[in-house]
């Protein structure tokens, strides 16, 4: 079973994603901020990270940078709902594997996850 780390500060969104992905037989671990997500990433060894950009303690871009500096091939999907063009540029410059604009369709999320887990 593939393990997905979801870093999202909005509780409702985090639980919606978790519930949906569990229907596809993914194991989902959650963090409500970037710092907790980084600790979970190091300790839990997930297969992929799904992160929001705007989060407390450490934002999603800093989280992305830290992970890519350590493990460049680790797949990271960035979610954003604000200032899409700027967010896309920043995420691309930091080697995000995919970017999802909020709101997104859950089936699109699963397709992107499956694509990056199959690489």
PDB file of N, CA and C in Angstrom:
ATOM      1  N   UNK A   1       0.840  -1.185   0.000  1.00  0.00           N
ATOM      2  CA  UNK A   1       0.000   0.000   0.000  1.00  0.00           C
ATOM      3  C   UNK A   1       0.884   1.246   0.000  1.00  0.00           C
ATOM      4  N   UNK A   2       0.620   2.152  -0.922  1.00  0.00           N
ATOM      5  CA  UNK A   2       1.397   3.380  -1.026  1.00  0.00           C
ATOM      6  C   UNK A   2       0.952   4.371   0.046  1.00  0.00           C
ATOM      7  N   UNK A   3       1.934   5.076   0.597  1.00  0.00           N
ATOM      8  CA  UNK A   3       1.683   6.029   1.683  1.00  0.00           C
ATOM      9  C   UNK A   3       1.805   7.456   1.148  1.00  0.00           C
ATOM     10  N   UNK A   4       0.758   8.254   1.406  1.00  0.00           N
ATOM     11  CA  UNK A   4       0.718   9.639   0.966  1.00  0.00           C
ATOM     12  C   UNK A   4       0.718  10.546   2.190  1.00  0.00           C
ATOM     13  N   UNK A   5       1.591  11.541   2.169  1.00  0.00           N
ATOM     14  CA  UNK A   5       1.611  12.566   3.202  1.00  0.00           C
ATOM     15  C   UNK A   5       0.856  13.773   2.671  1.00  0.00           C
ATOM     16  N   UNK A   6      -0.172  14.189   3.411  1.00  0.00           N
ATOM     17  CA  UNK A   6      -0.969  15.356   3.034  1.00  0.00           C
ATOM     18  C   UNK A   6      -0.667  16.475   4.027  1.00  0.00           C
ATOM     19  N   UNK A   7      -0.120  17.574   3.528  1.00  0.00           N
ATOM     20  CA  UNK A   7       0.174  18.746   4.348  1.00  0.00           C
ATOM     21  C   UNK A   7      -0.795  19.856   3.947  1.00  0.00           C
ATOM     22  N   UNK A   8      -1.737  20.131   4.814  1.00  0.00           N
ATOM     23  CA  UNK A   8      -2.816  21.098   4.531  1.00  0.00           C
ATOM     24  C   UNK A   8      -3.296  21.659   5.860  1.00  0.00           C
ATOM     25  N   UNK A   9      -3.298  22.977   5.985  1.00  0.00           N
ATOM     26  CA  UNK A   9      -3.704  23.581   7.260  1.00  0.00           C
ATOM     27  C   UNK A   9      -5.213  23.665   7.434  1.00  0.00           C
ATOM     28  N   UNK A  10      -5.972  23.575   6.352  1.00  0.00           N
ATOM     29  CA  UNK A  10      -7.430  23.601   6.461  1.00  0.00           C
ATOM     30  C   UNK A  10      -7.931  22.196   6.778  1.00  0.00           C
ATOM     31  N   UNK A  11      -8.448  22.035   7.987  1.00  0.00           N
ATOM     32  CA  UNK A  11      -8.828  20.714   8.494  1.00  0.00           C
ATOM     33  C   UNK A  11      -9.841  20.011   7.590  1.00  0.00           C
ATOM     34  N   UNK A  12     -10.865  20.724   7.156  1.00  0.00           N
ATOM     35  CA  UNK A  12     -11.911  20.116   6.328  1.00  0.00           C
ATOM     36  C   UNK A  12     -11.319  19.606   5.016  1.00  0.00           C
ATOM     37  N   UNK A  13     -10.481  20.413   4.404  1.00  0.00           N
ATOM     38  CA  UNK A  13      -9.849  20.006   3.146  1.00  0.00           C
ATOM     39  C   UNK A  13      -8.951  18.784   3.363  1.00  0.00           C
ATOM     40  N   UNK A  14      -8.176  18.811   4.435  1.00  0.00           N
ATOM     41  CA  UNK A  14      -7.265  17.701   4.749  1.00  0.00           C
ATOM     42  C   UNK A  14      -8.041  16.401   4.919  1.00  0.00           C
ATOM     43  N   UNK A  15      -9.134  16.440   5.659  1.00  0.00           N
ATOM     44  CA  UNK A  15      -9.929  15.231   5.884  1.00  0.00           C
ATOM     45  C   UNK A  15     -10.666  14.777   4.635  1.00  0.00           C
ATOM     46  N   UNK A  16     -11.104  15.721   3.806  1.00  0.00           N
ATOM     47  CA  UNK A  16     -11.751  15.337   2.543  1.00  0.00           C
ATOM     48  C   UNK A  16     -10.772  14.582   1.660  1.00  0.00           C
ATOM     49  N   UNK A  17      -9.558  15.105   1.548  1.00  0.00           N
ATOM     50  CA  UNK A  17      -8.535  14.450   0.730  1.00  0.00           C
ATOM     51  C   UNK A  17      -8.211  13.073   1.303  1.00  0.00           C
ATOM     52  N   UNK A  18      -8.031  13.001   2.618  1.00  0.00           N
ATOM     53  CA  UNK A  18      -7.717  11.732   3.282  1.00  0.00           C
ATOM     54  C   UNK A  18      -8.797  10.692   3.010  1.00  0.00           C
ATOM     55  N   UNK A  19     -10.048  11.061   3.261  1.00  0.00           N
ATOM     56  CA  UNK A  19     -11.161  10.122   3.058  1.00  0.00           C
ATOM     57  C   UNK A  19     -11.234   9.653   1.610  1.00  0.00           C
ATOM     58  N   UNK A  20     -11.069  10.570   0.686  1.00  0.00           N
ATOM     59  CA  UNK A  20     -11.145  10.218  -0.729  1.00  0.00           C
ATOM     60  C   UNK A  20     -10.022   9.263  -1.116  1.00  0.00           C
ATOM     61  N   UNK A  21      -8.789   9.585  -0.727  1.00  0.00           N
ATOM     62  CA  UNK A  21      -7.647   8.759  -1.118  1.00  0.00           C
ATOM     63  C   UNK A  21      -7.680   7.378  -0.475  1.00  0.00           C
ATOM     64  N   UNK A  22      -8.227   7.289   0.720  1.00  0.00           N
ATOM     65  CA  UNK A  22      -8.340   5.975   1.369  1.00  0.00           C
ATOM     66  C   UNK A  22      -9.266   5.047   0.598  1.00  0.00           C
ATOM     67  N   UNK A  23     -10.217   5.612  -0.143  1.00  0.00           N
ATOM     68  CA  UNK A  23     -11.084   4.795  -1.004  1.00  0.00           C
ATOM     69  C   UNK A  23     -10.305   4.146  -2.146  1.00  0.00           C
ATOM     70  N   UNK A  24      -9.130   4.674  -2.446  1.00  0.00           N
ATOM     71  CA  UNK A  24      -8.271   4.128  -3.499  1.00  0.00           C
ATOM     72  C   UNK A  24      -7.134   3.300  -2.909  1.00  0.00           C
ATOM     73  N   UNK A  25      -7.309   2.880  -1.670  1.00  0.00           N
ATOM     74  CA  UNK A  25      -6.347   2.018  -0.980  1.00  0.00           C
ATOM     75  C   UNK A  25      -4.977   2.650  -0.773  1.00  0.00           C
ATOM     76  N   UNK A  26      -4.971   3.966  -0.579  1.00  0.00           N
ATOM     77  CA  UNK A  26      -3.745   4.634  -0.161  1.00  0.00           C
ATOM     78  C   UNK A  26      -3.767   4.752   1.359  1.00  0.00           C
ATOM     79  N   UNK A  27      -2.590   4.657   1.964  1.00  0.00           N
ATOM     80  CA  UNK A  27      -2.457   4.996   3.370  1.00  0.00           C
ATOM     81  C   UNK A  27      -2.162   6.494   3.426  1.00  0.00           C
ATOM     82  N   UNK A  28      -2.924   7.227   4.217  1.00  0.00           N
ATOM     83  CA  UNK A  28      -2.770   8.682   4.255  1.00  0.00           C
ATOM     84  C   UNK A  28      -2.353   9.121   5.649  1.00  0.00           C
ATOM     85  N   UNK A  29      -1.249   9.867   5.706  1.00  0.00           N
ATOM     86  CA  UNK A  29      -0.841  10.509   6.952  1.00  0.00           C
ATOM     87  C   UNK A  29      -0.980  12.010   6.740  1.00  0.00           C
ATOM     88  N   UNK A  30      -1.261  12.747   7.825  1.00  0.00           N
ATOM     89  CA  UNK A  30      -1.620  14.151   7.695  1.00  0.00           C
ATOM     90  C   UNK A  30      -0.773  15.053   8.572  1.00  0.00           C
ATOM     91  N   UNK A  31      -0.581  16.278   8.074  1.00  0.00           N
ATOM     92  CA  UNK A  31       0.069  17.322   8.853  1.00  0.00           C
ATOM     93  C   UNK A  31      -0.695  18.622   8.624  1.00  0.00           C
ATOM     94  N   UNK A  32      -0.813  19.417   9.687  1.00  0.00           N
ATOM     95  CA  UNK A  32      -1.554  20.674   9.569  1.00  0.00           C
ATOM     96  C   UNK A  32      -0.645  21.871   9.307  1.00  0.00           C
ATOM     97  N   UNK A  33       0.666  21.638   9.230  1.00  0.00           N
ATOM     98  CA  UNK A  33       1.595  22.709   8.867  1.00  0.00           C
ATOM     99  C   UNK A  33       2.846  22.085   8.252  1.00  0.00           C
ATOM    100  N   UNK A  34       3.660  22.929   7.651  1.00  0.00           N
ATOM    101  CA  UNK A  34       4.835  22.442   6.948  1.00  0.00           C
ATOM    102  C   UNK A  34       5.891  21.818   7.853  1.00  0.00           C
ATOM    103  N   UNK A  35       6.033  22.358   9.050  1.00  0.00           N
ATOM    104  CA  UNK A  35       7.033  21.818   9.971  1.00  0.00           C
ATOM    105  C   UNK A  35       6.672  20.403  10.404  1.00  0.00           C
ATOM    106  N   UNK A  36       5.422  20.183  10.784  1.00  0.00           N
ATOM    107  CA  UNK A  36       4.967  18.832  11.140  1.00  0.00           C
ATOM    108  C   UNK A  36       5.105  17.886   9.941  1.00  0.00           C
ATOM    109  N   UNK A  37       4.808  18.407   8.746  1.00  0.00           N
ATOM    110  CA  UNK A  37       4.910  17.586   7.538  1.00  0.00           C
ATOM    111  C   UNK A  37       6.355  17.153   7.308  1.00  0.00           C
ATOM    112  N   UNK A  38       7.293  18.055   7.527  1.00  0.00           N
ATOM    113  CA  UNK A  38       8.698  17.715   7.321  1.00  0.00           C
ATOM    114  C   UNK A  38       9.147  16.625   8.293  1.00  0.00           C
ATOM    115  N   UNK A  39       8.727  16.744   9.541  1.00  0.00           N
ATOM    116  CA  UNK A  39       9.062  15.717  10.543  1.00  0.00           C
ATOM    117  C   UNK A  39       8.444  14.376  10.145  1.00  0.00           C
ATOM    118  N   UNK A  40       7.175  14.384   9.738  1.00  0.00           N
ATOM    119  CA  UNK A  40       6.519  13.146   9.296  1.00  0.00           C
ATOM    120  C   UNK A  40       7.218  12.570   8.067  1.00  0.00           C
ATOM    121  N   UNK A  41       7.601  13.438   7.145  1.00  0.00           N
ATOM    122  CA  UNK A  41       8.287  12.979   5.935  1.00  0.00           C
ATOM    123  C   UNK A  41       9.573  12.232   6.294  1.00  0.00           C
ATOM    124  N   UNK A  42      10.330  12.788   7.225  1.00  0.00           N
ATOM    125  CA  UNK A  42      11.584  12.142   7.628  1.00  0.00           C
ATOM    126  C   UNK A  42      11.331  10.828   8.376  1.00  0.00           C
ATOM    127  N   UNK A  43      10.314  10.791   9.227  1.00  0.00           N
ATOM    128  CA  UNK A  43      10.089   9.643  10.097  1.00  0.00           C
ATOM    129  C   UNK A  43       9.223   8.548   9.484  1.00  0.00           C
ATOM    130  N   UNK A  44       8.256   8.922   8.684  1.00  0.00           N
ATOM    131  CA  UNK A  44       7.259   7.963   8.178  1.00  0.00           C
ATOM    132  C   UNK A  44       7.580   7.416   6.789  1.00  0.00           C
ATOM    133  N   UNK A  45       8.499   8.060   6.073  1.00  0.00           N
ATOM    134  CA  UNK A  45       8.914   7.608   4.742  1.00  0.00           C
ATOM    135  C   UNK A  45       7.736   7.396   3.773  1.00  0.00           C
ATOM    136  N   UNK A  46       6.947   8.449   3.541  1.00  0.00           N
ATOM    137  CA  UNK A  46       5.841   8.300   2.578  1.00  0.00           C
ATOM    138  C   UNK A  46       6.384   8.139   1.154  1.00  0.00           C
ATOM    139  N   UNK A  47       5.493   7.754   0.252  1.00  0.00           N
ATOM    140  CA  UNK A  47       5.870   7.568  -1.150  1.00  0.00           C
ATOM    141  C   UNK A  47       5.715   8.848  -1.968  1.00  0.00           C
ATOM    142  N   UNK A  48       4.871   9.760  -1.474  1.00  0.00           N
ATOM    143  CA  UNK A  48       4.597  11.009  -2.198  1.00  0.00           C
ATOM    144  C   UNK A  48       4.066  12.032  -1.199  1.00  0.00           C
ATOM    145  N   UNK A  49       4.277  13.312  -1.518  1.00  0.00           N
ATOM    146  CA  UNK A  49       3.786  14.411  -0.680  1.00  0.00           C
ATOM    147  C   UNK A  49       2.810  15.249  -1.479  1.00  0.00           C
ATOM    148  N   UNK A  50       1.695  15.569  -0.850  1.00  0.00           N
ATOM    149  CA  UNK A  50       0.714  16.506  -1.383  1.00  0.00           C
ATOM    150  C   UNK A  50       0.685  17.671  -0.409  1.00  0.00           C
ATOM    151  N   UNK A  51       1.106  18.866  -0.852  1.00  0.00           N
ATOM    152  CA  UNK A  51       1.214  19.990   0.072  1.00  0.00           C
ATOM    153  C   UNK A  51       0.537  21.252  -0.433  1.00  0.00           C
ATOM    154  N   UNK A  52      -0.100  21.937   0.499  1.00  0.00           N
ATOM    155  CA  UNK A  52      -0.618  23.273   0.255  1.00  0.00           C
ATOM    156  C   UNK A  52       0.580  24.228   0.280  1.00  0.00           C
ATOM    157  N   UNK A  53       0.435  25.412  -0.288  1.00  0.00           N
ATOM    158  CA  UNK A  53       1.521  26.387  -0.225  1.00  0.00           C
ATOM    159  C   UNK A  53       1.415  27.229   1.041  1.00  0.00           C
ATOM    160  N   UNK A  54       0.240  27.784   1.288  1.00  0.00           N
ATOM    161  CA  UNK A  54       0.082  28.686   2.432  1.00  0.00           C
ATOM    162  C   UNK A  54      -0.277  27.905   3.686  1.00  0.00           C
ATOM    163  N   UNK A  55       0.730  27.731   4.552  1.00  0.00           N
ATOM    164  CA  UNK A  55       0.535  27.017   5.816  1.00  0.00           C
ATOM    165  C   UNK A  55       1.371  27.703   6.891  1.00  0.00           C
ATOM    166  N   UNK A  56       0.968  27.527   8.152  1.00  0.00           N
ATOM    167  CA  UNK A  56       1.757  28.103   9.243  1.00  0.00           C
ATOM    168  C   UNK A  56       3.031  27.301   9.519  1.00  0.00           C
ATOM    169  N   UNK A  57       3.916  27.879  10.268  1.00  0.00           N
ATOM    170  CA  UNK A  57       5.178  27.312  10.763  1.00  0.00           C
ATOM    171  C   UNK A  57       6.208  27.088   9.670  1.00  0.00           C
ATOM    172  N   UNK A  58       5.812  26.524   8.548  1.00  0.00           N
ATOM    173  CA  UNK A  58       6.679  26.400   7.371  1.00  0.00           C
ATOM    174  C   UNK A  58       5.734  26.284   6.180  1.00  0.00           C
ATOM    175  N   UNK A  59       5.922  27.135   5.169  1.00  0.00           N
ATOM    176  CA  UNK A  59       5.000  27.058   4.031  1.00  0.00           C
ATOM    177  C   UNK A  59       5.373  25.898   3.104  1.00  0.00           C
ATOM    178  N   UNK A  60       4.493  25.637   2.169  1.00  0.00           N
ATOM    179  CA  UNK A  60       4.684  24.493   1.273  1.00  0.00           C
ATOM    180  C   UNK A  60       5.894  24.615   0.364  1.00  0.00           C
ATOM    181  N   UNK A  61       6.284  25.839   0.011  1.00  0.00           N
ATOM    182  CA  UNK A  61       7.455  26.022  -0.844  1.00  0.00           C
ATOM    183  C   UNK A  61       8.728  25.689  -0.065  1.00  0.00           C
ATOM    184  N   UNK A  62       8.820  26.140   1.179  1.00  0.00           N
ATOM    185  CA  UNK A  62       9.985  25.800   1.991  1.00  0.00           C
ATOM    186  C   UNK A  62      10.054  24.293   2.227  1.00  0.00           C
ATOM    187  N   UNK A  63       8.897  23.688   2.472  1.00  0.00           N
ATOM    188  CA  UNK A  63       8.827  22.234   2.632  1.00  0.00           C
ATOM    189  C   UNK A  63       9.325  21.536   1.360  1.00  0.00           C
ATOM    190  N   UNK A  64       8.842  21.990   0.220  1.00  0.00           N
ATOM    191  CA  UNK A  64       9.272  21.457  -1.074  1.00  0.00           C
ATOM    192  C   UNK A  64      10.783  21.592  -1.235  1.00  0.00           C
ATOM    193  N   UNK A  65      11.326  22.772  -0.932  1.00  0.00           N
ATOM    194  CA  UNK A  65      12.771  23.005  -1.071  1.00  0.00           C
ATOM    195  C   UNK A  65      13.571  22.060  -0.178  1.00  0.00           C
ATOM    196  N   UNK A  66      13.162  21.915   1.073  1.00  0.00           N
ATOM    197  CA  UNK A  66      13.902  21.050   2.000  1.00  0.00           C
ATOM    198  C   UNK A  66      13.917  19.600   1.520  1.00  0.00           C
ATOM    199  N   UNK A  67      12.774  19.149   1.050  1.00  0.00           N
ATOM    200  CA  UNK A  67      12.684  17.761   0.590  1.00  0.00           C
ATOM    201  C   UNK A  67      13.502  17.561  -0.682  1.00  0.00           C
ATOM    202  N   UNK A  68      13.370  18.462  -1.631  1.00  0.00           N
ATOM    203  CA  UNK A  68      14.096  18.323  -2.898  1.00  0.00           C
ATOM    204  C   UNK A  68      15.605  18.472  -2.703  1.00  0.00           C
ATOM    205  N   UNK A  69      16.033  19.265  -1.708  1.00  0.00           N
ATOM    206  CA  UNK A  69      17.463  19.385  -1.427  1.00  0.00           C
ATOM    207  C   UNK A  69      18.029  18.079  -0.881  1.00  0.00           C
ATOM    208  N   UNK A  70      17.213  17.340  -0.153  1.00  0.00           N
ATOM    209  CA  UNK A  70      17.637  16.071   0.438  1.00  0.00           C
ATOM    210  C   UNK A  70      17.467  14.913  -0.537  1.00  0.00           C
ATOM    211  N   UNK A  71      16.292  14.885  -1.185  1.00  0.00           N
ATOM    212  CA  UNK A  71      15.911  13.768  -2.051  1.00  0.00           C
ATOM    213  C   UNK A  71      15.303  14.338  -3.341  1.00  0.00           C
ATOM    214  N   UNK A  72      16.132  14.707  -4.314  1.00  0.00           N
ATOM    215  CA  UNK A  72      15.641  15.397  -5.515  1.00  0.00           C
ATOM    216  C   UNK A  72      14.565  14.645  -6.295  1.00  0.00           C
ATOM    217  N   UNK A  73      14.572  13.311  -6.231  1.00  0.00           N
ATOM    218  CA  UNK A  73      13.611  12.532  -7.014  1.00  0.00           C
ATOM    219  C   UNK A  73      12.296  12.272  -6.281  1.00  0.00           C
ATOM    220  N   UNK A  74      12.178  12.739  -5.032  1.00  0.00           N
ATOM    221  CA  UNK A  74      10.950  12.483  -4.283  1.00  0.00           C
ATOM    222  C   UNK A  74       9.798  13.274  -4.905  1.00  0.00           C
ATOM    223  N   UNK A  75       8.657  12.602  -5.200  1.00  0.00           N
ATOM    224  CA  UNK A  75       7.542  13.297  -5.849  1.00  0.00           C
ATOM    225  C   UNK A  75       6.755  14.191  -4.887  1.00  0.00           C
ATOM    226  N   UNK A  76       6.597  15.464  -5.303  1.00  0.00           N
ATOM    227  CA  UNK A  76       5.853  16.449  -4.515  1.00  0.00           C
ATOM    228  C   UNK A  76       4.814  17.109  -5.414  1.00  0.00           C
ATOM    229  N   UNK A  77       3.565  17.053  -4.965  1.00  0.00           N
ATOM    230  CA  UNK A  77       2.463  17.721  -5.656  1.00  0.00           C
ATOM    231  C   UNK A  77       2.058  18.919  -4.812  1.00  0.00           C
ATOM    232  N   UNK A  78       2.018  20.092  -5.429  1.00  0.00           N
ATOM    233  CA  UNK A  78       1.693  21.331  -4.737  1.00  0.00           C
ATOM    234  C   UNK A  78       0.266  21.731  -5.058  1.00  0.00           C
ATOM    235  N   UNK A  79      -0.479  22.108  -3.997  1.00  0.00           N
ATOM    236  CA  UNK A  79      -1.848  22.618  -4.159  1.00  0.00           C
ATOM    237  C   UNK A  79      -1.836  24.101  -3.816  1.00  0.00           C
ATOM    238  N   UNK A  80      -2.587  24.882  -4.582  1.00  0.00           N
ATOM    239  CA  UNK A  80      -2.675  26.302  -4.255  1.00  0.00           C
ATOM    240  C   UNK A  80      -4.005  26.874  -4.703  1.00  0.00           C
ATOM    241  N   UNK A  81      -4.461  27.836  -3.932  1.00  0.00           N
ATOM    242  CA  UNK A  81      -5.706  28.507  -4.280  1.00  0.00           C
ATOM    243  C   UNK A  81      -5.529  30.004  -4.392  1.00  0.00           C
ATOM    244  N   UNK A  82      -4.308  30.481  -4.158  1.00  0.00           N
ATOM    245  CA  UNK A  82      -4.082  31.927  -4.186  1.00  0.00           C
ATOM    246  C   UNK A  82      -2.965  32.274  -5.149  1.00  0.00           C
ATOM    247  N   UNK A  83      -3.134  33.396  -5.835  1.00  0.00           N
ATOM    248  CA  UNK A  83      -2.130  33.929  -6.738  1.00  0.00           C
ATOM    249  C   UNK A  83      -1.521  32.816  -7.599  1.00  0.00           C
ATOM    250  N   UNK A  84      -2.361  32.203  -8.385  1.00  0.00           N
ATOM    251  CA  UNK A  84      -2.007  30.992  -9.123  1.00  0.00           C
ATOM    252  C   UNK A  84      -0.734  31.159  -9.949  1.00  0.00           C
ATOM    253  N   UNK A  85      -0.644  32.229 -10.730  1.00  0.00           N
ATOM    254  CA  UNK A  85       0.508  32.389 -11.624  1.00  0.00           C
ATOM    255  C   UNK A  85       1.820  32.442 -10.842  1.00  0.00           C
ATOM    256  N   UNK A  86       1.862  33.235  -9.785  1.00  0.00           N
ATOM    257  CA  UNK A  86       3.065  33.328  -8.959  1.00  0.00           C
ATOM    258  C   UNK A  86       3.365  31.991  -8.310  1.00  0.00           C
ATOM    259  N   UNK A  87       2.340  31.338  -7.776  1.00  0.00           N
ATOM    260  CA  UNK A  87       2.528  30.041  -7.117  1.00  0.00           C
ATOM    261  C   UNK A  87       3.070  29.000  -8.078  1.00  0.00           C
ATOM    262  N   UNK A  88       2.550  28.978  -9.275  1.00  0.00           N
ATOM    263  CA  UNK A  88       3.003  28.019 -10.286  1.00  0.00           C
ATOM    264  C   UNK A  88       4.478  28.265 -10.605  1.00  0.00           C
ATOM    265  N   UNK A  89       4.848  29.525 -10.790  1.00  0.00           N
ATOM    266  CA  UNK A  89       6.247  29.840 -11.096  1.00  0.00           C
ATOM    267  C   UNK A  89       7.169  29.430  -9.956  1.00  0.00           C
ATOM    268  N   UNK A  90       6.796  29.751  -8.729  1.00  0.00           N
ATOM    269  CA  UNK A  90       7.626  29.397  -7.574  1.00  0.00           C
ATOM    270  C   UNK A  90       7.736  27.880  -7.451  1.00  0.00           C
ATOM    271  N   UNK A  91       6.611  27.182  -7.570  1.00  0.00           N
ATOM    272  CA  UNK A  91       6.616  25.720  -7.445  1.00  0.00           C
ATOM    273  C   UNK A  91       7.467  25.084  -8.545  1.00  0.00           C
ATOM    274  N   UNK A  92       7.324  25.566  -9.769  1.00  0.00           N
ATOM    275  CA  UNK A  92       8.130  25.031 -10.881  1.00  0.00           C
ATOM    276  C   UNK A  92       9.612  25.303 -10.668  1.00  0.00           C
ATOM    277  N   UNK A  93       9.940  26.487 -10.198  1.00  0.00           N
ATOM    278  CA  UNK A  93      11.341  26.835  -9.959  1.00  0.00           C
ATOM    279  C   UNK A  93      11.959  25.970  -8.871  1.00  0.00           C
ATOM    280  N   UNK A  94      11.124  25.409  -8.002  1.00  0.00           N
ATOM    281  CA  UNK A  94      11.609  24.559  -6.912  1.00  0.00           C
ATOM    282  C   UNK A  94      11.373  23.077  -7.196  1.00  0.00           C
ATOM    283  N   UNK A  95      11.111  22.763  -8.452  1.00  0.00           N
ATOM    284  CA  UNK A  95      11.034  21.385  -8.941  1.00  0.00           C
ATOM    285  C   UNK A  95       9.848  20.583  -8.407  1.00  0.00           C
ATOM    286  N   UNK A  96       8.715  21.244  -8.228  1.00  0.00           N
ATOM    287  CA  UNK A  96       7.492  20.505  -7.900  1.00  0.00           C
ATOM    288  C   UNK A  96       7.184  19.572  -9.075  1.00  0.00           C
ATOM    289  N   UNK A  97       6.657  18.386  -8.774  1.00  0.00           N
ATOM    290  CA  UNK A  97       6.341  17.433  -9.831  1.00  0.00           C
ATOM    291  C   UNK A  97       5.017  17.746 -10.507  1.00  0.00           C
ATOM    292  N   UNK A  98       4.105  18.379  -9.755  1.00  0.00           N
ATOM    293  CA  UNK A  98       2.802  18.756 -10.318  1.00  0.00           C
ATOM    294  C   UNK A  98       2.209  19.862  -9.452  1.00  0.00           C
ATOM    295  N   UNK A  99       1.318  20.645 -10.059  1.00  0.00           N
ATOM    296  CA  UNK A  99       0.645  21.724  -9.343  1.00  0.00           C
ATOM    297  C   UNK A  99      -0.842  21.595  -9.603  1.00  0.00           C
ATOM    298  N   UNK A 100      -1.611  21.627  -8.526  1.00  0.00           N
ATOM    299  CA  UNK A 100      -3.067  21.573  -8.620  1.00  0.00           C
ATOM    300  C   UNK A 100      -3.642  22.887  -8.128  1.00  0.00           C
ATOM    301  N   UNK A 101      -4.496  23.496  -8.949  1.00  0.00           N
ATOM    302  CA  UNK A 101      -5.176  24.712  -8.532  1.00  0.00           C
ATOM    303  C   UNK A 101      -6.435  24.337  -7.764  1.00  0.00           C
ATOM    304  N   UNK A 102      -6.626  24.963  -6.601  1.00  0.00           N
ATOM    305  CA  UNK A 102      -7.861  24.758  -5.839  1.00  0.00           C
ATOM    306  C   UNK A 102      -8.927  25.672  -6.419  1.00  0.00           C
ATOM    307  N   UNK A 103     -10.158  25.242  -6.521  1.00  0.00           N
ATOM    308  CA  UNK A 103     -10.604  23.875  -6.222  1.00  0.00           C
ATOM    309  C   UNK A 103     -10.249  22.943  -7.381  1.00  0.00           C
ATOM    310  N   UNK A 104      -9.953  21.711  -7.058  1.00  0.00           N
ATOM    311  CA  UNK A 104      -9.637  20.720  -8.082  1.00  0.00           C
ATOM    312  C   UNK A 104     -10.574  19.531  -7.916  1.00  0.00           C
ATOM    313  N   UNK A 105     -10.651  18.717  -8.972  1.00  0.00           N
ATOM    314  CA  UNK A 105     -11.465  17.510  -8.903  1.00  0.00           C
ATOM    315  C   UNK A 105     -10.639  16.409  -8.269  1.00  0.00           C
ATOM    316  N   UNK A 106     -11.240  15.679  -7.345  1.00  0.00           N
ATOM    317  CA  UNK A 106     -10.522  14.619  -6.636  1.00  0.00           C
ATOM    318  C   UNK A 106     -10.004  13.547  -7.595  1.00  0.00           C
ATOM    319  N   UNK A 107     -10.741  13.282  -8.656  1.00  0.00           N
ATOM    320  CA  UNK A 107     -10.288  12.271  -9.612  1.00  0.00           C
ATOM    321  C   UNK A 107      -9.023  12.737 -10.332  1.00  0.00           C
ATOM    322  N   UNK A 108      -8.895  14.054 -10.554  1.00  0.00           N
ATOM    323  CA  UNK A 108      -7.657  14.583 -11.141  1.00  0.00           C
ATOM    324  C   UNK A 108      -6.485  14.366 -10.182  1.00  0.00           C
ATOM    325  N   UNK A 109      -6.732  14.554  -8.899  1.00  0.00           N
ATOM    326  CA  UNK A 109      -5.697  14.329  -7.887  1.00  0.00           C
ATOM    327  C   UNK A 109      -5.214  12.879  -7.924  1.00  0.00           C
ATOM    328  N   UNK A 110      -6.137  11.950  -7.960  1.00  0.00           N
ATOM    329  CA  UNK A 110      -5.771  10.526  -7.994  1.00  0.00           C
ATOM    330  C   UNK A 110      -4.976  10.205  -9.256  1.00  0.00           C
ATOM    331  N   UNK A 111      -5.376  10.763 -10.386  1.00  0.00           N
ATOM    332  CA  UNK A 111      -4.648  10.532 -11.642  1.00  0.00           C
ATOM    333  C   UNK A 111      -3.215  11.027 -11.547  1.00  0.00           C
ATOM    334  N   UNK A 112      -3.030  12.211 -10.990  1.00  0.00           N
ATOM    335  CA  UNK A 112      -1.685  12.780 -10.855  1.00  0.00           C
ATOM    336  C   UNK A 112      -0.854  11.953  -9.885  1.00  0.00           C
ATOM    337  N   UNK A 113      -1.445  11.542  -8.777  1.00  0.00           N
ATOM    338  CA  UNK A 113      -0.721  10.707  -7.807  1.00  0.00           C
ATOM    339  C   UNK A 113      -0.287   9.403  -8.459  1.00  0.00           C
ATOM    340  N   UNK A 114      -1.206   8.739  -9.130  1.00  0.00           N
ATOM    341  CA  UNK A 114      -0.878   7.462  -9.784  1.00  0.00           C
ATOM    342  C   UNK A 114       0.215   7.628 -10.833  1.00  0.00           C
ATOM    343  N   UNK A 115       0.156   8.716 -11.573  1.00  0.00           N
ATOM    344  CA  UNK A 115       1.171   8.987 -12.593  1.00  0.00           C
ATOM    345  C   UNK A 115       2.559   9.086 -11.951  1.00  0.00           C
ATOM    346  N   UNK A 116       2.662   9.803 -10.843  1.00  0.00           N
ATOM    347  CA  UNK A 116       3.974  10.032 -10.226  1.00  0.00           C
ATOM    348  C   UNK A 116       4.447   8.839  -9.404  1.00  0.00           C
ATOM    349  N   UNK A 117       3.540   8.040  -8.929  1.00  0.00           N
ATOM    350  CA  UNK A 117       3.954   6.826  -8.215  1.00  0.00           C
ATOM    351  C   UNK A 117       4.414   5.746  -9.181  1.00  0.00           C
ATOM    352  N   UNK A 118       3.951   5.831 -10.426  1.00  0.00           N
ATOM    353  CA  UNK A 118       4.315   4.812 -11.425  1.00  0.00           C
ATOM    354  C   UNK A 118       5.672   5.082 -12.063  1.00  0.00           C
ATOM    355  N   UNK A 119       6.213   6.278 -11.880  1.00  0.00           N
ATOM    356  CA  UNK A 119       7.492   6.631 -12.525  1.00  0.00           C
ATOM    357  C   UNK A 119       8.641   5.810 -11.971  1.00  0.00           C
TER     358      UNK A 119
END
